Amino acid sequence: MACRGMFYALTDEQEAALIATRDDSEVREFVEDVEMGDWEGDPLDCETDKAWDAIHRCLSDGTLGSGRRLSPLDMAVLGGDHHHEGEEYFVVHVRPAEVAQVAEALEKVDRTWMRRRYDRIDPEDYQGVLSDEDFDYTWYWFGKVRDFYGKAAAANRAVIFTVDQ
């Protein structure tokens, strides 16, 4: 299991192609094309290593619940439209207007707030080891995600998050 998360900001053409996919194999093919840079325009992406898990838990209700759209923060990682049916691979789509909301909400998150949320994660439900070192790792990658969403919002792009389980 790789479990490494990746964000991509989609052009309008890419978003239309994603929406037009009909099944899991087409979705995977689409993501491979995005990963390989087989599209026109500036690529905009952000990796999160394995920190996406804790980031999502901190920004949502502490679980790995997905697709809920409870708030802009909840949508940042797993809260958008799911384009893959299987449980071993996620492709989560956040539309441009939502990306702007997410970017605005992420700007308000500070280290103290994030740490309080991190400390509420149930260690029995978390695959990592909750620690100061793990929080620093999570906070580092969160900064990358926040910067990425800001750039995606400024470019008026949709975002997808992908991860293999």
C-alpha atoms as a PDB file:
ATOM      1  CA  MET A   1       0.000   0.000   0.000  1.00  0.00           C
ATOM      2  CA  ALA A   2       1.496   3.285  -1.096  1.00  0.00           C
ATOM      3  CA  CYS A   3      -1.113   5.563   0.543  1.00  0.00           C
ATOM      4  CA  ARG A   4       0.643   8.648  -0.800  1.00  0.00           C
ATOM      5  CA  GLY A   5      -1.792  11.425  -1.626  1.00  0.00           C
ATOM      6  CA  MET A   6      -1.548  13.780  -4.580  1.00  0.00           C
ATOM      7  CA  PHE A   7      -3.500  16.882  -5.570  1.00  0.00           C
ATOM      8  CA  TYR A   8      -3.857  18.154  -9.137  1.00  0.00           C
ATOM      9  CA  ALA A   9      -5.440  21.411 -10.303  1.00  0.00           C
ATOM     10  CA  LEU A  10      -7.420  20.746 -13.470  1.00  0.00           C
ATOM     11  CA  THR A  11      -7.940  22.952 -16.467  1.00  0.00           C
ATOM     12  CA  ASP A  12     -11.511  23.339 -17.748  1.00  0.00           C
ATOM     13  CA  GLU A  13     -10.725  20.773 -20.458  1.00  0.00           C
ATOM     14  CA  GLN A  14      -9.403  18.284 -17.912  1.00  0.00           C
ATOM     15  CA  GLU A  15     -12.390  18.766 -15.619  1.00  0.00           C
ATOM     16  CA  ALA A  16     -14.775  18.135 -18.532  1.00  0.00           C
ATOM     17  CA  ALA A  17     -12.825  14.976 -19.420  1.00  0.00           C
ATOM     18  CA  LEU A  18     -13.033  13.743 -15.824  1.00  0.00           C
ATOM     19  CA  ILE A  19     -16.777  14.359 -15.672  1.00  0.00           C
ATOM     20  CA  ALA A  20     -17.194  12.475 -18.959  1.00  0.00           C
ATOM     21  CA  THR A  21     -15.506   9.298 -17.667  1.00  0.00           C
ATOM     22  CA  ARG A  22     -17.888   6.348 -17.477  1.00  0.00           C
ATOM     23  CA  ASP A  23     -16.163   3.778 -15.288  1.00  0.00           C
ATOM     24  CA  ASP A  24     -13.213   3.133 -12.998  1.00  0.00           C
ATOM     25  CA  SER A  25     -10.851   2.171 -15.814  1.00  0.00           C
ATOM     26  CA  GLU A  26     -11.520   5.450 -17.635  1.00  0.00           C
ATOM     27  CA  VAL A  27     -11.000   7.375 -14.393  1.00  0.00           C
ATOM     28  CA  ARG A  28      -7.646   5.661 -13.809  1.00  0.00           C
ATOM     29  CA  GLU A  29      -6.614   6.344 -17.408  1.00  0.00           C
ATOM     30  CA  PHE A  30      -7.591  10.001 -16.994  1.00  0.00           C
ATOM     31  CA  VAL A  31      -5.532  10.325 -13.794  1.00  0.00           C
ATOM     32  CA  GLU A  32      -2.536   8.652 -15.460  1.00  0.00           C
ATOM     33  CA  ASP A  33      -2.743  11.214 -18.275  1.00  0.00           C
ATOM     34  CA  VAL A  34      -2.821  14.040 -15.717  1.00  0.00           C
ATOM     35  CA  GLU A  35       0.108  12.520 -13.801  1.00  0.00           C
ATOM     36  CA  MET A  36       2.135  12.221 -16.995  1.00  0.00           C
ATOM     37  CA  GLY A  37       1.433  15.831 -17.974  1.00  0.00           C
ATOM     38  CA  ASP A  38      -0.302  14.878 -21.215  1.00  0.00           C
ATOM     39  CA  TRP A  39      -2.328  18.112 -21.278  1.00  0.00           C
ATOM     40  CA  GLU A  40      -1.759  21.686 -22.441  1.00  0.00           C
ATOM     41  CA  GLY A  41      -1.107  24.394 -19.865  1.00  0.00           C
ATOM     42  CA  ASP A  42       0.907  24.788 -16.718  1.00  0.00           C
ATOM     43  CA  PRO A  43       0.760  21.752 -14.459  1.00  0.00           C
ATOM     44  CA  LEU A  44      -0.205  22.533 -10.909  1.00  0.00           C
ATOM     45  CA  ASP A  45       0.121  19.743  -8.370  1.00  0.00           C
ATOM     46  CA  CYS A  46       0.924  19.030  -4.757  1.00  0.00           C
ATOM     47  CA  GLU A  47       2.020  15.861  -3.059  1.00  0.00           C
ATOM     48  CA  THR A  48       1.241  15.127   0.575  1.00  0.00           C
ATOM     49  CA  ASP A  49       3.135  11.913   1.150  1.00  0.00           C
ATOM     50  CA  LYS A  50       1.045  10.080   3.787  1.00  0.00           C
ATOM     51  CA  ALA A  51       0.108  13.226   5.717  1.00  0.00           C
ATOM     52  CA  TRP A  52      -3.196  13.540   3.830  1.00  0.00           C
ATOM     53  CA  ASP A  53      -4.758  11.171   6.370  1.00  0.00           C
ATOM     54  CA  ALA A  54      -4.054  13.340   9.434  1.00  0.00           C
ATOM     55  CA  ILE A  55      -4.709  16.527   7.452  1.00  0.00           C
ATOM     56  CA  HIS A  56      -8.186  15.308   6.526  1.00  0.00           C
ATOM     57  CA  ARG A  57      -8.920  14.176  10.064  1.00  0.00           C
ATOM     58  CA  CYS A  58      -7.858  17.572  11.441  1.00  0.00           C
ATOM     59  CA  LEU A  59      -9.918  19.504   8.906  1.00  0.00           C
ATOM     60  CA  SER A  60     -13.027  17.359   9.282  1.00  0.00           C
ATOM     61  CA  ASP A  61     -14.602  15.433  12.139  1.00  0.00           C
ATOM     62  CA  GLY A  62     -11.518  13.389  13.043  1.00  0.00           C
ATOM     63  CA  THR A  63     -12.441  10.421  10.845  1.00  0.00           C
ATOM     64  CA  LEU A  64     -11.696   9.400   7.267  1.00  0.00           C
ATOM     65  CA  GLY A  65     -15.321  10.034   6.289  1.00  0.00           C
ATOM     66  CA  SER A  66     -15.574  11.218   2.711  1.00  0.00           C
ATOM     67  CA  GLY A  67     -17.822  13.013   0.250  1.00  0.00           C
ATOM     68  CA  ARG A  68     -19.771  14.846   2.954  1.00  0.00           C
ATOM     69  CA  ARG A  69     -19.185  18.521   2.116  1.00  0.00           C
ATOM     70  CA  LEU A  70     -19.787  19.466   5.769  1.00  0.00           C
ATOM     71  CA  SER A  71     -17.689  22.619   5.387  1.00  0.00           C
ATOM     72  CA  PRO A  72     -15.020  24.021   3.067  1.00  0.00           C
ATOM     73  CA  LEU A  73     -12.359  22.498   5.346  1.00  0.00           C
ATOM     74  CA  ASP A  74     -14.044  19.090   5.150  1.00  0.00           C
ATOM     75  CA  MET A  75     -13.893  19.283   1.340  1.00  0.00           C
ATOM     76  CA  ALA A  76     -10.139  19.926   1.177  1.00  0.00           C
ATOM     77  CA  VAL A  77      -9.033  16.282   0.967  1.00  0.00           C
ATOM     78  CA  LEU A  78     -11.841  13.690   0.800  1.00  0.00           C
ATOM     79  CA  GLY A  79     -14.957  15.869   0.726  1.00  0.00           C
ATOM     80  CA  GLY A  80     -15.627  16.329  -2.975  1.00  0.00           C
ATOM     81  CA  ASP A  81     -17.303  14.194  -5.635  1.00  0.00           C
ATOM     82  CA  HIS A  82     -15.894  10.681  -5.830  1.00  0.00           C
ATOM     83  CA  HIS A  83     -15.121   9.438  -9.322  1.00  0.00           C
ATOM     84  CA  HIS A  84     -13.911   5.948  -8.501  1.00  0.00           C
ATOM     85  CA  GLU A  85     -16.134   3.208  -7.108  1.00  0.00           C
ATOM     86  CA  GLY A  86     -13.543   0.955  -5.506  1.00  0.00           C
ATOM     87  CA  GLU A  87     -12.288   1.356  -1.945  1.00  0.00           C
ATOM     88  CA  GLU A  88      -8.634   0.814  -2.847  1.00  0.00           C
ATOM     89  CA  TYR A  89      -8.279   3.995  -4.932  1.00  0.00           C
ATOM     90  CA  PHE A  90      -9.774   7.456  -4.452  1.00  0.00           C
ATOM     91  CA  VAL A  91     -10.259  10.228  -6.987  1.00  0.00           C
ATOM     92  CA  VAL A  92     -12.000  13.119  -5.255  1.00  0.00           C
ATOM     93  CA  HIS A  93     -13.108  16.156  -7.278  1.00  0.00           C
ATOM     94  CA  VAL A  94     -13.626  19.677  -5.914  1.00  0.00           C
ATOM     95  CA  ARG A  95     -15.179  22.178  -8.335  1.00  0.00           C
ATOM     96  CA  PRO A  96     -13.630  25.631  -8.962  1.00  0.00           C
ATOM     97  CA  ALA A  97     -16.130  27.602  -6.825  1.00  0.00           C
ATOM     98  CA  GLU A  98     -15.578  25.125  -3.986  1.00  0.00           C
ATOM     99  CA  VAL A  99     -11.802  25.358  -4.444  1.00  0.00           C
ATOM    100  CA  ALA A 100     -12.050  29.092  -3.761  1.00  0.00           C
ATOM    101  CA  GLN A 101     -14.040  28.403  -0.568  1.00  0.00           C
ATOM    102  CA  VAL A 102     -11.546  25.764   0.549  1.00  0.00           C
ATOM    103  CA  ALA A 103      -8.585  28.078  -0.126  1.00  0.00           C
ATOM    104  CA  GLU A 104     -10.180  30.862   1.913  1.00  0.00           C
ATOM    105  CA  ALA A 105     -10.931  28.514   4.820  1.00  0.00           C
ATOM    106  CA  LEU A 106      -7.428  27.000   4.792  1.00  0.00           C
ATOM    107  CA  GLU A 107      -5.871  30.457   5.094  1.00  0.00           C
ATOM    108  CA  LYS A 108      -7.514  30.835   8.514  1.00  0.00           C
ATOM    109  CA  VAL A 109      -6.015  27.617   9.924  1.00  0.00           C
ATOM    110  CA  ASP A 110      -3.102  28.252  12.241  1.00  0.00           C
ATOM    111  CA  ARG A 111      -0.736  25.832  13.954  1.00  0.00           C
ATOM    112  CA  THR A 112      -2.482  26.067  17.355  1.00  0.00           C
ATOM    113  CA  TRP A 113      -5.909  25.277  15.862  1.00  0.00           C
ATOM    114  CA  MET A 114      -4.470  22.412  13.834  1.00  0.00           C
ATOM    115  CA  ARG A 115      -2.692  20.965  16.873  1.00  0.00           C
ATOM    116  CA  ARG A 116      -5.905  20.979  18.922  1.00  0.00           C
ATOM    117  CA  ARG A 117      -7.640  19.084  16.135  1.00  0.00           C
ATOM    118  CA  TYR A 118      -4.698  16.694  15.735  1.00  0.00           C
ATOM    119  CA  ASP A 119      -4.757  15.898  19.458  1.00  0.00           C
ATOM    120  CA  ARG A 120      -8.396  14.775  19.109  1.00  0.00           C
ATOM    121  CA  ILE A 121      -7.608  12.055  16.552  1.00  0.00           C
ATOM    122  CA  ASP A 122      -8.513   8.628  17.898  1.00  0.00           C
ATOM    123  CA  PRO A 123      -5.226   6.680  18.061  1.00  0.00           C
ATOM    124  CA  GLU A 124      -7.136   3.409  17.626  1.00  0.00           C
ATOM    125  CA  ASP A 125      -8.497   4.656  14.273  1.00  0.00           C
ATOM    126  CA  TYR A 126      -5.251   6.212  12.996  1.00  0.00           C
ATOM    127  CA  GLN A 127      -2.725   4.167  11.022  1.00  0.00           C
ATOM    128  CA  GLY A 128       0.185   6.354  12.078  1.00  0.00           C
ATOM    129  CA  VAL A 129       1.601   7.042  15.521  1.00  0.00           C
ATOM    130  CA  LEU A 130       0.307  10.260  17.054  1.00  0.00           C
ATOM    131  CA  SER A 131       3.314  12.245  18.276  1.00  0.00           C
ATOM    132  CA  ASP A 132       4.985  15.645  18.153  1.00  0.00           C
ATOM    133  CA  GLU A 133       7.073  14.420  15.239  1.00  0.00           C
ATOM    134  CA  ASP A 134       3.994  13.212  13.342  1.00  0.00           C
ATOM    135  CA  PHE A 135       2.238  16.522  13.983  1.00  0.00           C
ATOM    136  CA  ASP A 136       5.251  18.453  12.620  1.00  0.00           C
ATOM    137  CA  TYR A 137       5.164  16.208   9.534  1.00  0.00           C
ATOM    138  CA  THR A 138       1.414  16.830   9.161  1.00  0.00           C
ATOM    139  CA  TRP A 139       1.806  20.590   9.612  1.00  0.00           C
ATOM    140  CA  TYR A 140       4.619  20.722   7.019  1.00  0.00           C
ATOM    141  CA  TRP A 141       2.501  18.989   4.367  1.00  0.00           C
ATOM    142  CA  PHE A 142      -0.567  21.007   5.342  1.00  0.00           C
ATOM    143  CA  GLY A 143       1.375  24.169   4.424  1.00  0.00           C
ATOM    144  CA  LYS A 144       1.979  22.717   0.957  1.00  0.00           C
ATOM    145  CA  VAL A 145      -1.733  21.895   0.591  1.00  0.00           C
ATOM    146  CA  ARG A 146      -2.758  25.394   1.697  1.00  0.00           C
ATOM    147  CA  ASP A 147      -0.367  26.996  -0.822  1.00  0.00           C
ATOM    148  CA  PHE A 148      -1.602  24.666  -3.561  1.00  0.00           C
ATOM    149  CA  TYR A 149      -5.267  25.512  -2.948  1.00  0.00           C
ATOM    150  CA  GLY A 150      -4.427  29.222  -3.024  1.00  0.00           C
ATOM    151  CA  LYS A 151      -2.780  28.831  -6.433  1.00  0.00           C
ATOM    152  CA  ALA A 152      -5.599  26.629  -7.763  1.00  0.00           C
ATOM    153  CA  ALA A 153      -8.209  29.154  -6.602  1.00  0.00           C
ATOM    154  CA  ALA A 154      -6.294  32.054  -8.177  1.00  0.00           C
ATOM    155  CA  ALA A 155      -6.244  30.116 -11.464  1.00  0.00           C
ATOM    156  CA  ASN A 156      -9.972  29.259 -11.111  1.00  0.00           C
ATOM    157  CA  ARG A 157      -9.251  25.552 -11.428  1.00  0.00           C
ATOM    158  CA  ALA A 158     -10.976  22.460 -10.153  1.00  0.00           C
ATOM    159  CA  VAL A 159      -8.928  20.120  -7.963  1.00  0.00           C
ATOM    160  CA  ILE A 160      -8.692  16.359  -7.698  1.00  0.00           C
ATOM    161  CA  PHE A 161      -7.127  14.441  -4.856  1.00  0.00           C
ATOM    162  CA  THR A 162      -5.895  10.918  -5.574  1.00  0.00           C
ATOM    163  CA  VAL A 163      -4.633   8.197  -3.271  1.00  0.00           C
ATOM    164  CA  ASP A 164      -4.096   4.435  -3.458  1.00  0.00           C
ATOM    165  CA  GLN A 165      -5.155   2.623  -0.320  1.00  0.00           C
END
